[in-house]
């Protein structure tokens, strides 16, 4: 690892919910590609969930159980999207 490299926050957590990091300069390595794939899946699922959640939230007759389920799913998706944003933001090249 070079001095300019940083640890990459991975889009999943460890068994105890702690963050996982990747220590590599190889953006084309297996783990980097897998992390990229998981991030893309998470972002796609969050987008799909948003489209499914809007009609439920607009339904004035939606029962409380359905609303709680949608809220829980949105919280999970938001957690994933924030982790992806944090990871990608920390890897941005900043001019000196």
Protein backbone atom coordinates (compact mmCIF):
# COMPACT_ATOMS: atom_id res chain seq x y z
CA UNK A 1 0.00 0.00 0.00
CA UNK A 2 1.39 3.41 -0.94
CA UNK A 3 1.44 6.37 1.41
CA UNK A 4 -1.39 8.06 -0.51
CA UNK A 5 -3.71 5.08 -0.31
CA UNK A 6 -6.61 4.97 2.08
CA UNK A 7 -8.64 2.14 3.40
CA UNK A 8 -11.84 1.58 1.43
CA UNK A 9 -15.02 1.31 3.45
CA UNK A 10 -16.79 -1.78 2.15
CA UNK A 11 -20.55 -1.83 1.54
CA UNK A 12 -21.16 -4.49 4.18
CA UNK A 13 -20.45 -4.89 7.87
CA UNK A 14 -18.78 -7.60 9.89
CA UNK A 15 -20.59 -10.15 12.07
CA UNK A 16 -20.94 -7.68 14.95
CA UNK A 17 -22.14 -4.84 12.71
CA UNK A 18 -18.73 -3.18 12.66
CA UNK A 19 -17.48 -1.56 9.44
CA UNK A 20 -15.23 -3.56 7.11
CA UNK A 21 -12.37 -2.00 5.21
CA UNK A 22 -10.24 -3.02 2.24
CA UNK A 23 -6.53 -2.22 2.21
CA UNK A 24 -5.42 -2.21 -1.42
CA UNK A 25 -4.29 0.06 -4.24
CA UNK A 26 -5.69 -2.34 -6.84
CA UNK A 27 -9.06 -0.95 -7.96
CA UNK A 28 -9.42 -3.87 -10.37
CA UNK A 29 -8.77 -6.58 -7.80
CA UNK A 30 -11.35 -9.21 -6.90
CA UNK A 31 -12.47 -7.59 -3.63
CA UNK A 32 -12.65 -4.13 -5.19
CA UNK A 33 -14.78 -5.45 -8.04
CA UNK A 34 -17.02 -7.34 -5.61
CA UNK A 35 -17.47 -4.21 -3.48
CA UNK A 36 -18.32 -2.21 -6.62
CA UNK A 37 -20.91 -4.84 -7.57
CA UNK A 38 -22.48 -4.87 -4.10
CA UNK A 39 -22.62 -1.06 -4.06
CA UNK A 40 -24.37 -1.04 -7.44
CA UNK A 41 -26.88 -3.63 -6.18
CA UNK A 42 -27.56 -1.64 -3.02
CA UNK A 43 -28.13 1.58 -4.96
CA UNK A 44 -30.41 -0.19 -7.42
CA UNK A 45 -32.45 -1.80 -4.66
CA UNK A 46 -32.77 1.54 -2.84
CA UNK A 47 -34.06 3.16 -6.02
CA UNK A 48 -36.55 0.35 -6.58
CA UNK A 49 -37.71 0.51 -2.95
CA UNK A 50 -38.29 4.24 -3.23
CA UNK A 51 -40.61 3.66 -6.16
CA UNK A 52 -42.51 1.00 -4.21
CA UNK A 53 -42.68 3.03 -1.00
CA UNK A 54 -44.19 6.18 -2.46
CA UNK A 55 -47.60 4.64 -3.25
CA UNK A 56 -47.79 3.10 0.24
CA UNK A 57 -46.95 6.41 1.87
CA UNK A 58 -49.49 8.23 -0.31
CA UNK A 59 -52.23 5.74 0.65
CA UNK A 60 -54.26 7.33 3.44
CA UNK A 61 -55.78 3.91 4.20
CA UNK A 62 -52.48 2.01 4.53
CA UNK A 63 -52.41 0.05 7.76
CA UNK A 64 -49.80 0.65 10.44
CA UNK A 65 -48.05 -2.69 9.87
CA UNK A 66 -47.51 -1.93 6.20
CA UNK A 67 -46.21 1.55 7.01
CA UNK A 68 -43.79 0.14 9.60
CA UNK A 69 -42.50 -2.40 7.09
CA UNK A 70 -41.89 0.30 4.49
CA UNK A 71 -40.21 2.51 7.09
CA UNK A 72 -37.90 -0.33 8.18
CA UNK A 73 -36.98 -1.11 4.58
CA UNK A 74 -36.31 2.57 3.85
CA UNK A 75 -34.08 2.83 6.94
CA UNK A 76 -32.04 -0.15 5.74
CA UNK A 77 -31.74 1.27 2.24
CA UNK A 78 -30.74 4.69 3.58
CA UNK A 79 -28.06 3.06 5.77
CA UNK A 80 -26.65 1.27 2.71
CA UNK A 81 -26.74 4.37 0.51
CA UNK A 82 -24.99 6.46 3.18
CA UNK A 83 -22.27 3.81 3.50
CA UNK A 84 -21.75 3.85 -0.28
CA UNK A 85 -21.64 7.67 -0.32
CA UNK A 86 -19.15 7.74 2.56
CA UNK A 87 -16.95 5.16 0.87
CA UNK A 88 -17.01 6.88 -2.49
CA UNK A 89 -16.54 10.33 -0.98
CA UNK A 90 -13.43 9.24 0.89
CA UNK A 91 -11.94 7.93 -2.35
CA UNK A 92 -12.39 11.16 -4.29
CA UNK A 93 -9.14 12.73 -5.42
CA UNK A 94 -8.74 16.15 -3.91
CA UNK A 95 -6.46 18.70 -5.58
CA UNK A 96 -3.49 19.84 -3.51
